Amino acid sequence: MEITRGDLLTYQEHCLAGSTLGEGYPNDPYRPIGVILGKISVEESQRLRQEKEEGKLWNVLVGKWGVKGDWGVATLENLEIETSSQRYGHTKSDPILIEVFEEPSLRLKNMEFPFSRSTPRIEIKR
């Protein structure tokens, strides 16, 4: 069975990228779709997210972080791989915006950040 990039992303990450691939999983927004479907283990998903995707979520809609612009790059957060944890298989935190493809300027009001666990974080290095 082939594992696609879509299998490695969570519903939250799909939403941030403007994808509709994960639409059937709003009740489990922090677990990769491939893990939910039983196509891949949590540990293998973690490895591929860091190796194949280089730990980055490319082409995110930066407006979700309240930044002007169209597209950017965010982090792909690590998965909880401790099997005894209630959050096993979930991302440990929300993605962090790390790059914008044009000069960012903060807006006064955030767009909706899907399934946010806290204030959306931005760490753009110049």
PDB file of N, CA and C in Angstrom:
ATOM      1  N   MET A   1       0.847  -1.177   0.000  1.00  0.00           N
ATOM      2  CA  MET A   1       0.000   0.000   0.000  1.00  0.00           C
ATOM      3  C   MET A   1       0.897   1.246   0.000  1.00  0.00           C
ATOM      4  N   GLU A   2       0.652   2.149  -0.923  1.00  0.00           N
ATOM      5  CA  GLU A   2       1.449   3.364  -1.029  1.00  0.00           C
ATOM      6  C   GLU A   2       1.012   4.400   0.005  1.00  0.00           C
ATOM      7  N   ILE A   3       1.986   4.989   0.672  1.00  0.00           N
ATOM      8  CA  ILE A   3       1.730   6.050   1.646  1.00  0.00           C
ATOM      9  C   ILE A   3       1.960   7.386   0.949  1.00  0.00           C
ATOM     10  N   THR A   4       0.941   8.227   0.935  1.00  0.00           N
ATOM     11  CA  THR A   4       1.039   9.523   0.279  1.00  0.00           C
ATOM     12  C   THR A   4       1.310  10.621   1.303  1.00  0.00           C
ATOM     13  N   ARG A   5       1.645  11.792   0.807  1.00  0.00           N
ATOM     14  CA  ARG A   5       1.838  12.951   1.682  1.00  0.00           C
ATOM     15  C   ARG A   5       0.560  13.217   2.479  1.00  0.00           C
ATOM     16  N   GLY A   6      -0.581  13.060   1.834  1.00  0.00           N
ATOM     17  CA  GLY A   6      -1.864  13.261   2.507  1.00  0.00           C
ATOM     18  C   GLY A   6      -2.071  12.329   3.686  1.00  0.00           C
ATOM     19  N   ASP A   7      -1.505  11.135   3.618  1.00  0.00           N
ATOM     20  CA  ASP A   7      -1.601  10.176   4.725  1.00  0.00           C
ATOM     21  C   ASP A   7      -0.788  10.624   5.927  1.00  0.00           C
ATOM     22  N   LEU A   8       0.267  11.414   5.686  1.00  0.00           N
ATOM     23  CA  LEU A   8       1.159  11.844   6.764  1.00  0.00           C
ATOM     24  C   LEU A   8       0.659  13.078   7.491  1.00  0.00           C
ATOM     25  N   LEU A   9      -0.288  13.794   6.887  1.00  0.00           N
ATOM     26  CA  LEU A   9      -0.802  15.034   7.474  1.00  0.00           C
ATOM     27  C   LEU A   9      -2.041  14.786   8.317  1.00  0.00           C
ATOM     28  N   THR A  10      -2.214  15.616   9.333  1.00  0.00           N
ATOM     29  CA  THR A  10      -3.414  15.580  10.167  1.00  0.00           C
ATOM     30  C   THR A  10      -4.516  16.405   9.510  1.00  0.00           C
ATOM     31  N   TYR A  11      -5.727  16.274  10.007  1.00  0.00           N
ATOM     32  CA  TYR A  11      -6.826  17.091   9.493  1.00  0.00           C
ATOM     33  C   TYR A  11      -6.526  18.577   9.704  1.00  0.00           C
ATOM     34  N   GLN A  12      -5.981  18.937  10.858  1.00  0.00           N
ATOM     35  CA  GLN A  12      -5.607  20.328  11.124  1.00  0.00           C
ATOM     36  C   GLN A  12      -4.626  20.831  10.069  1.00  0.00           C
ATOM     37  N   GLU A  13      -3.605  20.022   9.757  1.00  0.00           N
ATOM     38  CA  GLU A  13      -2.608  20.417   8.764  1.00  0.00           C
ATOM     39  C   GLU A  13      -3.213  20.524   7.369  1.00  0.00           C
ATOM     40  N   HIS A  14      -4.113  19.615   7.043  1.00  0.00           N
ATOM     41  CA  HIS A  14      -4.830  19.709   5.760  1.00  0.00           C
ATOM     42  C   HIS A  14      -5.586  21.033   5.680  1.00  0.00           C
ATOM     43  N   CYS A  15      -6.261  21.412   6.757  1.00  0.00           N
ATOM     44  CA  CYS A  15      -7.014  22.675   6.784  1.00  0.00           C
ATOM     45  C   CYS A  15      -6.089  23.874   6.592  1.00  0.00           C
ATOM     46  N   LEU A  16      -4.933  23.854   7.245  1.00  0.00           N
ATOM     47  CA  LEU A  16      -3.980  24.954   7.126  1.00  0.00           C
ATOM     48  C   LEU A  16      -3.434  25.090   5.714  1.00  0.00           C
ATOM     49  N   ALA A  17      -3.378  23.978   4.993  1.00  0.00           N
ATOM     50  CA  ALA A  17      -2.877  23.992   3.621  1.00  0.00           C
ATOM     51  C   ALA A  17      -4.001  24.221   2.608  1.00  0.00           C
ATOM     52  N   GLY A  18      -5.232  24.364   3.085  1.00  0.00           N
ATOM     53  CA  GLY A  18      -6.345  24.584   2.172  1.00  0.00           C
ATOM     54  C   GLY A  18      -6.820  23.321   1.488  1.00  0.00           C
ATOM     55  N   SER A  19      -6.402  22.172   1.975  1.00  0.00           N
ATOM     56  CA  SER A  19      -6.761  20.881   1.392  1.00  0.00           C
ATOM     57  C   SER A  19      -8.094  20.393   1.950  1.00  0.00           C
ATOM     58  N   THR A  20      -8.817  19.663   1.135  1.00  0.00           N
ATOM     59  CA  THR A  20     -10.062  19.046   1.601  1.00  0.00           C
ATOM     60  C   THR A  20      -9.905  17.541   1.782  1.00  0.00           C
ATOM     61  N   LEU A  21      -8.674  17.027   1.636  1.00  0.00           N
ATOM     62  CA  LEU A  21      -8.450  15.582   1.741  1.00  0.00           C
ATOM     63  C   LEU A  21      -8.868  15.005   3.086  1.00  0.00           C
ATOM     64  N   GLY A  22      -8.689  15.753   4.153  1.00  0.00           N
ATOM     65  CA  GLY A  22      -8.973  15.233   5.482  1.00  0.00           C
ATOM     66  C   GLY A  22     -10.360  15.558   5.993  1.00  0.00           C
ATOM     67  N   GLU A  23     -11.262  16.001   5.118  1.00  0.00           N
ATOM     68  CA  GLU A  23     -12.569  16.503   5.574  1.00  0.00           C
ATOM     69  C   GLU A  23     -13.372  15.549   6.444  1.00  0.00           C
ATOM     70  N   GLY A  24     -13.166  14.264   6.309  1.00  0.00           N
ATOM     71  CA  GLY A  24     -13.955  13.323   7.086  1.00  0.00           C
ATOM     72  C   GLY A  24     -13.461  13.089   8.498  1.00  0.00           C
ATOM     73  N   TYR A  25     -12.473  13.876   8.976  1.00  0.00           N
ATOM     74  CA  TYR A  25     -11.833  13.576  10.253  1.00  0.00           C
ATOM     75  C   TYR A  25     -11.806  14.739  11.243  1.00  0.00           C
ATOM     76  N   PRO A  26     -12.853  15.559  11.299  1.00  0.00           N
ATOM     77  CA  PRO A  26     -12.799  16.693  12.227  1.00  0.00           C
ATOM     78  C   PRO A  26     -12.845  16.289  13.695  1.00  0.00           C
ATOM     79  N   ASN A  27     -13.241  15.066  13.990  1.00  0.00           N
ATOM     80  CA  ASN A  27     -13.286  14.614  15.384  1.00  0.00           C
ATOM     81  C   ASN A  27     -11.934  14.120  15.880  1.00  0.00           C
ATOM     82  N   ASP A  28     -10.959  14.033  14.981  1.00  0.00           N
ATOM     83  CA  ASP A  28      -9.615  13.580  15.331  1.00  0.00           C
ATOM     84  C   ASP A  28      -8.599  14.437  14.569  1.00  0.00           C
ATOM     85  N   PRO A  29      -8.566  15.754  14.848  1.00  0.00           N
ATOM     86  CA  PRO A  29      -7.794  16.680  14.007  1.00  0.00           C
ATOM     87  C   PRO A  29      -6.280  16.640  14.174  1.00  0.00           C
ATOM     88  N   TYR A  30      -5.763  15.946  15.192  1.00  0.00           N
ATOM     89  CA  TYR A  30      -4.324  15.985  15.464  1.00  0.00           C
ATOM     90  C   TYR A  30      -3.593  14.687  15.124  1.00  0.00           C
ATOM     91  N   ARG A  31      -4.280  13.698  14.580  1.00  0.00           N
ATOM     92  CA  ARG A  31      -3.670  12.413  14.251  1.00  0.00           C
ATOM     93  C   ARG A  31      -3.575  12.304  12.720  1.00  0.00           C
ATOM     94  N   PRO A  32      -2.430  11.880  12.168  1.00  0.00           N
ATOM     95  CA  PRO A  32      -2.310  11.756  10.713  1.00  0.00           C
ATOM     96  C   PRO A  32      -3.406  10.854  10.119  1.00  0.00           C
ATOM     97  N   ILE A  33      -3.886  11.235   8.947  1.00  0.00           N
ATOM     98  CA  ILE A  33      -4.974  10.510   8.289  1.00  0.00           C
ATOM     99  C   ILE A  33      -4.598   9.045   8.057  1.00  0.00           C
ATOM    100  N   GLY A  34      -3.352   8.778   7.629  1.00  0.00           N
ATOM    101  CA  GLY A  34      -2.915   7.402   7.395  1.00  0.00           C
ATOM    102  C   GLY A  34      -2.942   6.553   8.655  1.00  0.00           C
ATOM    103  N   VAL A  35      -2.675   7.169   9.801  1.00  0.00           N
ATOM    104  CA  VAL A  35      -2.748   6.466  11.085  1.00  0.00           C
ATOM    105  C   VAL A  35      -4.204   6.143  11.404  1.00  0.00           C
ATOM    106  N   ILE A  36      -5.085   7.098  11.211  1.00  0.00           N
ATOM    107  CA  ILE A  36      -6.520   6.875  11.463  1.00  0.00           C
ATOM    108  C   ILE A  36      -7.048   5.724  10.610  1.00  0.00           C
ATOM    109  N   LEU A  37      -6.613   5.690   9.343  1.00  0.00           N
ATOM    110  CA  LEU A  37      -7.087   4.657   8.409  1.00  0.00           C
ATOM    111  C   LEU A  37      -6.377   3.315   8.592  1.00  0.00           C
ATOM    112  N   GLY A  38      -5.369   3.264   9.469  1.00  0.00           N
ATOM    113  CA  GLY A  38      -4.632   2.021   9.691  1.00  0.00           C
ATOM    114  C   GLY A  38      -3.657   1.687   8.573  1.00  0.00           C
ATOM    115  N   LYS A  39      -3.301   2.659   7.735  1.00  0.00           N
ATOM    116  CA  LYS A  39      -2.372   2.438   6.632  1.00  0.00           C
ATOM    117  C   LYS A  39      -0.920   2.487   7.086  1.00  0.00           C
ATOM    118  N   ILE A  40      -0.663   3.127   8.225  1.00  0.00           N
ATOM    119  CA  ILE A  40       0.703   3.355   8.687  1.00  0.00           C
ATOM    120  C   ILE A  40       0.693   3.465  10.211  1.00  0.00           C
ATOM    121  N   SER A  41       1.777   3.039  10.827  1.00  0.00           N
ATOM    122  CA  SER A  41       1.875   3.145  12.288  1.00  0.00           C
ATOM    123  C   SER A  41       2.222   4.574  12.687  1.00  0.00           C
ATOM    124  N   VAL A  42       1.999   4.890  13.934  1.00  0.00           N
ATOM    125  CA  VAL A  42       2.358   6.202  14.469  1.00  0.00           C
ATOM    126  C   VAL A  42       3.860   6.427  14.329  1.00  0.00           C
ATOM    127  N   GLU A  43       4.648   5.422  14.675  1.00  0.00           N
ATOM    128  CA  GLU A  43       6.098   5.551  14.641  1.00  0.00           C
ATOM    129  C   GLU A  43       6.614   5.754  13.212  1.00  0.00           C
ATOM    130  N   GLU A  44       6.053   5.014  12.258  1.00  0.00           N
ATOM    131  CA  GLU A  44       6.454   5.167  10.856  1.00  0.00           C
ATOM    132  C   GLU A  44       6.011   6.527  10.319  1.00  0.00           C
ATOM    133  N   SER A  45       4.842   6.964  10.716  1.00  0.00           N
ATOM    134  CA  SER A  45       4.358   8.278  10.303  1.00  0.00           C
ATOM    135  C   SER A  45       5.283   9.365  10.839  1.00  0.00           C
ATOM    136  N   GLN A  46       5.675   9.260  12.092  1.00  0.00           N
ATOM    137  CA  GLN A  46       6.610  10.234  12.688  1.00  0.00           C
ATOM    138  C   GLN A  46       7.910  10.272  11.901  1.00  0.00           C
ATOM    139  N   ARG A  47       8.458   9.106  11.592  1.00  0.00           N
ATOM    140  CA  ARG A  47       9.726   9.027  10.855  1.00  0.00           C
ATOM    141  C   ARG A  47       9.591   9.686   9.477  1.00  0.00           C
ATOM    142  N   LEU A  48       8.532   9.365   8.751  1.00  0.00           N
ATOM    143  CA  LEU A  48       8.354   9.909   7.402  1.00  0.00           C
ATOM    144  C   LEU A  48       8.047  11.409   7.414  1.00  0.00           C
ATOM    145  N   ARG A  49       7.321  11.866   8.425  1.00  0.00           N
ATOM    146  CA  ARG A  49       7.035  13.306   8.529  1.00  0.00           C
ATOM    147  C   ARG A  49       8.339  14.097   8.656  1.00  0.00           C
ATOM    148  N   GLN A  50       9.288  13.571   9.398  1.00  0.00           N
ATOM    149  CA  GLN A  50      10.555  14.272   9.603  1.00  0.00           C
ATOM    150  C   GLN A  50      11.534  14.032   8.453  1.00  0.00           C
ATOM    151  N   GLU A  51      11.521  12.829   7.891  1.00  0.00           N
ATOM    152  CA  GLU A  51      12.466  12.475   6.835  1.00  0.00           C
ATOM    153  C   GLU A  51      11.986  12.956   5.457  1.00  0.00           C
ATOM    154  N   LYS A  52      10.841  12.479   5.039  1.00  0.00           N
ATOM    155  CA  LYS A  52      10.323  12.760   3.698  1.00  0.00           C
ATOM    156  C   LYS A  52       9.849  14.201   3.557  1.00  0.00           C
ATOM    157  N   GLU A  53       9.185  14.694   4.559  1.00  0.00           N
ATOM    158  CA  GLU A  53       8.640  16.057   4.499  1.00  0.00           C
ATOM    159  C   GLU A  53       9.581  17.079   5.137  1.00  0.00           C
ATOM    160  N   GLU A  54      10.729  16.619   5.632  1.00  0.00           N
ATOM    161  CA  GLU A  54      11.733  17.481   6.262  1.00  0.00           C
ATOM    162  C   GLU A  54      11.178  18.290   7.427  1.00  0.00           C
ATOM    163  N   GLY A  55      10.139  17.763   8.068  1.00  0.00           N
ATOM    164  CA  GLY A  55       9.563  18.440   9.226  1.00  0.00           C
ATOM    165  C   GLY A  55       8.857  19.735   8.902  1.00  0.00           C
ATOM    166  N   LYS A  56       8.494  19.923   7.610  1.00  0.00           N
ATOM    167  CA  LYS A  56       7.858  21.177   7.212  1.00  0.00           C
ATOM    168  C   LYS A  56       6.547  20.931   6.478  1.00  0.00           C
ATOM    169  N   LEU A  57       5.616  21.819   6.717  1.00  0.00           N
ATOM    170  CA  LEU A  57       4.331  21.815   6.027  1.00  0.00           C
ATOM    171  C   LEU A  57       4.382  22.951   5.012  1.00  0.00           C
ATOM    172  N   TRP A  58       4.578  22.607   3.751  1.00  0.00           N
ATOM    173  CA  TRP A  58       4.746  23.602   2.690  1.00  0.00           C
ATOM    174  C   TRP A  58       3.400  24.117   2.212  1.00  0.00           C
ATOM    175  N   ASN A  59       3.401  25.332   1.698  1.00  0.00           N
ATOM    176  CA  ASN A  59       2.233  25.950   1.072  1.00  0.00           C
ATOM    177  C   ASN A  59       1.016  26.035   1.993  1.00  0.00           C
ATOM    178  N   VAL A  60       1.232  26.610   3.158  1.00  0.00           N
ATOM    179  CA  VAL A  60       0.118  26.862   4.071  1.00  0.00           C
ATOM    180  C   VAL A  60      -0.488  28.232   3.762  1.00  0.00           C
ATOM    181  N   LEU A  61      -1.734  28.390   4.122  1.00  0.00           N
ATOM    182  CA  LEU A  61      -2.417  29.670   3.963  1.00  0.00           C
ATOM    183  C   LEU A  61      -2.032  30.545   5.147  1.00  0.00           C
ATOM    184  N   VAL A  62      -1.158  31.510   4.938  1.00  0.00           N
ATOM    185  CA  VAL A  62      -0.606  32.279   6.057  1.00  0.00           C
ATOM    186  C   VAL A  62      -1.655  33.131   6.767  1.00  0.00           C
ATOM    187  N   GLY A  63      -2.764  33.424   6.112  1.00  0.00           N
ATOM    188  CA  GLY A  63      -3.830  34.191   6.757  1.00  0.00           C
ATOM    189  C   GLY A  63      -4.383  33.497   7.983  1.00  0.00           C
ATOM    190  N   LYS A  64      -4.212  32.190   8.067  1.00  0.00           N
ATOM    191  CA  LYS A  64      -4.675  31.447   9.248  1.00  0.00           C
ATOM    192  C   LYS A  64      -3.923  31.879  10.501  1.00  0.00           C
ATOM    193  N   TRP A  65      -2.727  32.447  10.332  1.00  0.00           N
ATOM    194  CA  TRP A  65      -1.930  32.965  11.449  1.00  0.00           C
ATOM    195  C   TRP A  65      -2.129  34.476  11.612  1.00  0.00           C
ATOM    196  N   GLY A  66      -3.007  35.055  10.809  1.00  0.00           N
ATOM    197  CA  GLY A  66      -3.248  36.483  10.899  1.00  0.00           C
ATOM    198  C   GLY A  66      -2.190  37.314  10.206  1.00  0.00           C
ATOM    199  N   VAL A  67      -1.538  36.743   9.203  1.00  0.00           N
ATOM    200  CA  VAL A  67      -0.469  37.416   8.469  1.00  0.00           C
ATOM    201  C   VAL A  67      -0.938  37.676   7.043  1.00  0.00           C
ATOM    202  N   LYS A  68      -0.616  38.850   6.508  1.00  0.00           N
ATOM    203  CA  LYS A  68      -0.940  39.133   5.113  1.00  0.00           C
ATOM    204  C   LYS A  68      -0.041  38.306   4.214  1.00  0.00           C
ATOM    205  N   GLY A  69      -0.567  37.921   3.098  1.00  0.00           N
ATOM    206  CA  GLY A  69       0.182  37.114   2.141  1.00  0.00           C
ATOM    207  C   GLY A  69      -0.652  35.914   1.765  1.00  0.00           C
ATOM    208  N   ASP A  70      -0.126  35.140   0.855  1.00  0.00           N
ATOM    209  CA  ASP A  70      -0.860  33.970   0.401  1.00  0.00           C
ATOM    210  C   ASP A  70      -0.329  32.672   1.015  1.00  0.00           C
ATOM    211  N   TRP A  71       0.933  32.383   0.758  1.00  0.00           N
ATOM    212  CA  TRP A  71       1.473  31.083   1.104  1.00  0.00           C
ATOM    213  C   TRP A  71       2.718  31.207   1.973  1.00  0.00           C
ATOM    214  N   GLY A  72       2.983  30.149   2.706  1.00  0.00           N
ATOM    215  CA  GLY A  72       4.166  30.107   3.542  1.00  0.00           C
ATOM    216  C   GLY A  72       4.510  28.683   3.917  1.00  0.00           C
ATOM    217  N   VAL A  73       5.378  28.564   4.910  1.00  0.00           N
ATOM    218  CA  VAL A  73       5.840  27.270   5.399  1.00  0.00           C
ATOM    219  C   VAL A  73       5.620  27.230   6.909  1.00  0.00           C
ATOM    220  N   ALA A  74       5.150  26.109   7.402  1.00  0.00           N
ATOM    221  CA  ALA A  74       4.959  25.906   8.843  1.00  0.00           C
ATOM    222  C   ALA A  74       5.675  24.625   9.253  1.00  0.00           C
ATOM    223  N   THR A  75       5.833  24.446  10.536  1.00  0.00           N
ATOM    224  CA  THR A  75       6.456  23.223  11.052  1.00  0.00           C
ATOM    225  C   THR A  75       5.461  22.069  11.011  1.00  0.00           C
ATOM    226  N   LEU A  76       5.977  20.879  10.813  1.00  0.00           N
ATOM    227  CA  LEU A  76       5.207  19.659  11.035  1.00  0.00           C
ATOM    228  C   LEU A  76       5.629  19.194  12.418  1.00  0.00           C
ATOM    229  N   GLU A  77       4.757  19.317  13.362  1.00  0.00           N
ATOM    230  CA  GLU A  77       5.120  19.001  14.751  1.00  0.00           C
ATOM    231  C   GLU A  77       5.258  17.497  14.958  1.00  0.00           C
ATOM    232  N   ASN A  78       6.096  17.125  15.934  1.00  0.00           N
ATOM    233  CA  ASN A  78       6.293  15.723  16.274  1.00  0.00           C
ATOM    234  C   ASN A  78       5.012  15.102  16.795  1.00  0.00           C
ATOM    235  N   LEU A  79       4.912  13.803  16.582  1.00  0.00           N
ATOM    236  CA  LEU A  79       3.784  13.040  17.107  1.00  0.00           C
ATOM    237  C   LEU A  79       4.141  12.489  18.485  1.00  0.00           C
ATOM    238  N   GLU A  80       3.142  12.314  19.315  1.00  0.00           N
ATOM    239  CA  GLU A  80       3.327  11.651  20.609  1.00  0.00           C
ATOM    240  C   GLU A  80       3.502  10.164  20.320  1.00  0.00           C
ATOM    241  N   ILE A  81       4.676   9.609  20.593  1.00  0.00           N
ATOM    242  CA  ILE A  81       4.929   8.199  20.278  1.00  0.00           C
ATOM    243  C   ILE A  81       4.967   7.306  21.522  1.00  0.00           C
ATOM    244  N   GLU A  82       4.723   7.884  22.682  1.00  0.00           N
ATOM    245  CA  GLU A  82       4.658   7.109  23.924  1.00  0.00           C
ATOM    246  C   GLU A  82       3.307   6.395  23.958  1.00  0.00           C
ATOM    247  N   THR A  83       3.333   5.071  23.848  1.00  0.00           N
ATOM    248  CA  THR A  83       2.090   4.298  23.726  1.00  0.00           C
ATOM    249  C   THR A  83       1.182   4.394  24.951  1.00  0.00           C
ATOM    250  N   SER A  84       1.736   4.707  26.104  1.00  0.00           N
ATOM    251  CA  SER A  84       0.914   4.801  27.309  1.00  0.00           C
ATOM    252  C   SER A  84       0.194   6.158  27.421  1.00  0.00           C
ATOM    253  N   SER A  85       0.536   7.088  26.549  1.00  0.00           N
ATOM    254  CA  SER A  85      -0.073   8.420  26.604  1.00  0.00           C
ATOM    255  C   SER A  85      -1.478   8.413  26.007  1.00  0.00           C
ATOM    256  N   GLN A  86      -2.375   9.174  26.613  1.00  0.00           N
ATOM    257  CA  GLN A  86      -3.728   9.328  26.066  1.00  0.00           C
ATOM    258  C   GLN A  86      -3.695  10.052  24.737  1.00  0.00           C
ATOM    259  N   ARG A  87      -2.631  10.769  24.464  1.00  0.00           N
ATOM    260  CA  ARG A  87      -2.484  11.544  23.230  1.00  0.00           C
ATOM    261  C   ARG A  87      -1.611  10.807  22.196  1.00  0.00           C
ATOM    262  N   TYR A  88      -1.455   9.502  22.376  1.00  0.00           N
ATOM    263  CA  TYR A  88      -0.651   8.683  21.467  1.00  0.00           C
ATOM    264  C   TYR A  88      -1.100   8.913  20.019  1.00  0.00           C
ATOM    265  N   GLY A  89      -0.135   9.280  19.162  1.00  0.00           N
ATOM    266  CA  GLY A  89      -0.428   9.485  17.749  1.00  0.00           C
ATOM    267  C   GLY A  89      -0.832  10.898  17.392  1.00  0.00           C
ATOM    268  N   HIS A  90      -1.096  11.734  18.388  1.00  0.00           N
ATOM    269  CA  HIS A  90      -1.472  13.132  18.133  1.00  0.00           C
ATOM    270  C   HIS A  90      -0.217  13.984  17.984  1.00  0.00           C
ATOM    271  N   THR A  91      -0.334  15.086  17.241  1.00  0.00           N
ATOM    272  CA  THR A  91       0.762  16.048  17.217  1.00  0.00           C
ATOM    273  C   THR A  91       0.889  16.640  18.621  1.00  0.00           C
ATOM    274  N   LYS A  92       2.120  16.955  19.007  1.00  0.00           N
ATOM    275  CA  LYS A  92       2.362  17.472  20.357  1.00  0.00           C
ATOM    276  C   LYS A  92       1.934  18.927  20.512  1.00  0.00           C
ATOM    277  N   SER A  93       1.910  19.679  19.409  1.00  0.00           N
ATOM    278  CA  SER A  93       1.486  21.078  19.464  1.00  0.00           C
ATOM    279  C   SER A  93       1.030  21.523  18.075  1.00  0.00           C
ATOM    280  N   ASP A  94       0.513  22.729  18.004  1.00  0.00           N
ATOM    281  CA  ASP A  94       0.065  23.279  16.726  1.00  0.00           C
ATOM    282  C   ASP A  94       1.257  23.650  15.854  1.00  0.00           C
ATOM    283  N   PRO A  95       1.087  23.615  14.519  1.00  0.00           N
ATOM    284  CA  PRO A  95       2.152  24.057  13.624  1.00  0.00           C
ATOM    285  C   PRO A  95       2.514  25.524  13.874  1.00  0.00           C
ATOM    286  N   ILE A  96       3.785  25.858  13.647  1.00  0.00           N
ATOM    287  CA  ILE A  96       4.296  27.215  13.823  1.00  0.00           C
ATOM    288  C   ILE A  96       4.660  27.758  12.442  1.00  0.00           C
ATOM    289  N   LEU A  97       4.178  28.933  12.113  1.00  0.00           N
ATOM    290  CA  LEU A  97       4.516  29.566  10.845  1.00  0.00           C
ATOM    291  C   LEU A  97       5.975  30.007  10.890  1.00  0.00           C
ATOM    292  N   ILE A  98       6.801  29.541   9.937  1.00  0.00           N
ATOM    293  CA  ILE A  98       8.227  29.861   9.965  1.00  0.00           C
ATOM    294  C   ILE A  98       8.708  30.621   8.725  1.00  0.00           C
ATOM    295  N   GLU A  99       7.894  30.696   7.677  1.00  0.00           N
ATOM    296  CA  GLU A  99       8.305  31.417   6.478  1.00  0.00           C
ATOM    297  C   GLU A  99       7.074  31.886   5.715  1.00  0.00           C
ATOM    298  N   VAL A 100       7.179  33.096   5.160  1.00  0.00           N
ATOM    299  CA  VAL A 100       6.120  33.656   4.311  1.00  0.00           C
ATOM    300  C   VAL A 100       6.771  33.997   2.983  1.00  0.00           C
ATOM    301  N   PHE A 101       6.091  33.709   1.883  1.00  0.00           N
ATOM    302  CA  PHE A 101       6.683  33.911   0.569  1.00  0.00           C
ATOM    303  C   PHE A 101       6.639  35.352   0.084  1.00  0.00           C
ATOM    304  N   GLU A 102       6.181  36.262   0.892  1.00  0.00           N
ATOM    305  CA  GLU A 102       6.282  37.695   0.626  1.00  0.00           C
ATOM    306  C   GLU A 102       6.385  38.374   1.981  1.00  0.00           C
ATOM    307  N   GLU A 103       6.739  39.654   2.007  1.00  0.00           N
ATOM    308  CA  GLU A 103       6.916  40.354   3.274  1.00  0.00           C
ATOM    309  C   GLU A 103       5.659  40.293   4.136  1.00  0.00           C
ATOM    310  N   PRO A 104       5.757  39.763   5.351  1.00  0.00           N
ATOM    311  CA  PRO A 104       4.581  39.693   6.211  1.00  0.00           C
ATOM    312  C   PRO A 104       4.324  41.017   6.938  1.00  0.00           C
ATOM    313  N   SER A 105       3.065  41.283   7.181  1.00  0.00           N
ATOM    314  CA  SER A 105       2.698  42.372   8.087  1.00  0.00           C
ATOM    315  C   SER A 105       1.489  41.885   8.868  1.00  0.00           C
ATOM    316  N   LEU A 106       1.583  41.940  10.165  1.00  0.00           N
ATOM    317  CA  LEU A 106       0.532  41.364  11.004  1.00  0.00           C
ATOM    318  C   LEU A 106      -0.780  42.108  10.841  1.00  0.00           C
ATOM    319  N   ARG A 107      -1.854  41.352  10.787  1.00  0.00           N
ATOM    320  CA  ARG A 107      -3.192  41.928  10.758  1.00  0.00           C
ATOM    321  C   ARG A 107      -3.651  42.097  12.194  1.00  0.00           C
ATOM    322  N   LEU A 108      -4.650  42.916  12.396  1.00  0.00           N
ATOM    323  CA  LEU A 108      -5.161  43.117  13.746  1.00  0.00           C
ATOM    324  C   LEU A 108      -6.018  41.956  14.206  1.00  0.00           C
ATOM    325  N   LYS A 109      -6.664  41.275  13.275  1.00  0.00           N
ATOM    326  CA  LYS A 109      -7.570  40.200  13.649  1.00  0.00           C
ATOM    327  C   LYS A 109      -7.179  38.922  12.914  1.00  0.00           C
ATOM    328  N   ASN A 110      -7.021  37.821  13.645  1.00  0.00           N
ATOM    329  CA  ASN A 110      -6.694  36.542  13.037  1.00  0.00           C
ATOM    330  C   ASN A 110      -7.866  35.971  12.267  1.00  0.00           C
ATOM    331  N   MET A 111      -7.549  35.288  11.170  1.00  0.00           N
ATOM    332  CA  MET A 111      -8.537  34.439  10.526  1.00  0.00           C
ATOM    333  C   MET A 111      -8.684  33.229  11.449  1.00  0.00           C
ATOM    334  N   GLU A 112      -9.592  32.358  11.139  1.00  0.00           N
ATOM    335  CA  GLU A 112      -9.761  31.177  11.990  1.00  0.00           C
ATOM    336  C   GLU A 112      -8.598  30.216  11.803  1.00  0.00           C
ATOM    337  N   PHE A 113      -7.946  29.863  12.896  1.00  0.00           N
ATOM    338  CA  PHE A 113      -6.874  28.876  12.909  1.00  0.00           C
ATOM    339  C   PHE A 113      -7.539  27.568  13.309  1.00  0.00           C
ATOM    340  N   PRO A 114      -7.588  26.574  12.426  1.00  0.00           N
ATOM    341  CA  PRO A 114      -8.361  25.362  12.704  1.00  0.00           C
ATOM    342  C   PRO A 114      -7.833  24.547  13.878  1.00  0.00           C
ATOM    343  N   PHE A 115      -8.711  24.227  14.802  1.00  0.00           N
ATOM    344  CA  PHE A 115      -8.418  23.342  15.935  1.00  0.00           C
ATOM    345  C   PHE A 115      -7.238  23.820  16.777  1.00  0.00           C
ATOM    346  N   SER A 116      -7.114  25.117  16.940  1.00  0.00           N
ATOM    347  CA  SER A 116      -6.003  25.692  17.689  1.00  0.00           C
ATOM    348  C   SER A 116      -6.062  25.284  19.157  1.00  0.00           C
ATOM    349  N   ARG A 117      -4.919  24.943  19.719  1.00  0.00           N
ATOM    350  CA  ARG A 117      -4.812  24.597  21.128  1.00  0.00           C
ATOM    351  C   ARG A 117      -4.353  25.784  21.955  1.00  0.00           C
ATOM    352  N   SER A 118      -3.871  26.835  21.270  1.00  0.00           N
ATOM    353  CA  SER A 118      -3.399  28.041  21.944  1.00  0.00           C
ATOM    354  C   SER A 118      -3.326  29.158  20.907  1.00  0.00           C
ATOM    355  N   THR A 119      -2.716  30.262  21.256  1.00  0.00           N
ATOM    356  CA  THR A 119      -2.532  31.349  20.303  1.00  0.00           C
ATOM    357  C   THR A 119      -1.616  30.876  19.184  1.00  0.00           C
ATOM    358  N   PRO A 120      -2.014  31.026  17.913  1.00  0.00           N
ATOM    359  CA  PRO A 120      -1.147  30.596  16.812  1.00  0.00           C
ATOM    360  C   PRO A 120       0.219  31.281  16.885  1.00  0.00           C
ATOM    361  N   ARG A 121       1.288  30.493  16.713  1.00  0.00           N
ATOM    362  CA  ARG A 121       2.647  31.002  16.862  1.00  0.00           C
ATOM    363  C   ARG A 121       3.281  31.286  15.510  1.00  0.00           C
ATOM    364  N   ILE A 122       4.090  32.338  15.496  1.00  0.00           N
ATOM    365  CA  ILE A 122       4.830  32.733  14.318  1.00  0.00           C
ATOM    366  C   ILE A 122       6.292  32.889  14.728  1.00  0.00           C
ATOM    367  N   GLU A 123       7.195  32.235  14.003  1.00  0.00           N
ATOM    368  CA  GLU A 123       8.629  32.353  14.274  1.00  0.00           C
ATOM    369  C   GLU A 123       9.373  32.536  12.961  1.00  0.00           C
ATOM    370  N   ILE A 124       9.216  33.687  12.330  1.00  0.00           N
ATOM    371  CA  ILE A 124       9.840  33.957  11.052  1.00  0.00           C
ATOM    372  C   ILE A 124      11.212  34.555  11.297  1.00  0.00           C
ATOM    373  N   LYS A 125      12.222  33.912  10.725  1.00  0.00           N
ATOM    374  CA  LYS A 125      13.596  34.408  10.870  1.00  0.00           C
ATOM    375  C   LYS A 125      13.938  35.206   9.626  1.00  0.00           C
ATOM    376  N   ARG A 126      14.511  36.359   9.812  1.00  0.00           N
ATOM    377  CA  ARG A 126      14.887  37.207   8.668  1.00  0.00           C
ATOM    378  C   ARG A 126      16.363  37.130   8.418  1.00  0.00           C
TER     379      ARG A 126
END
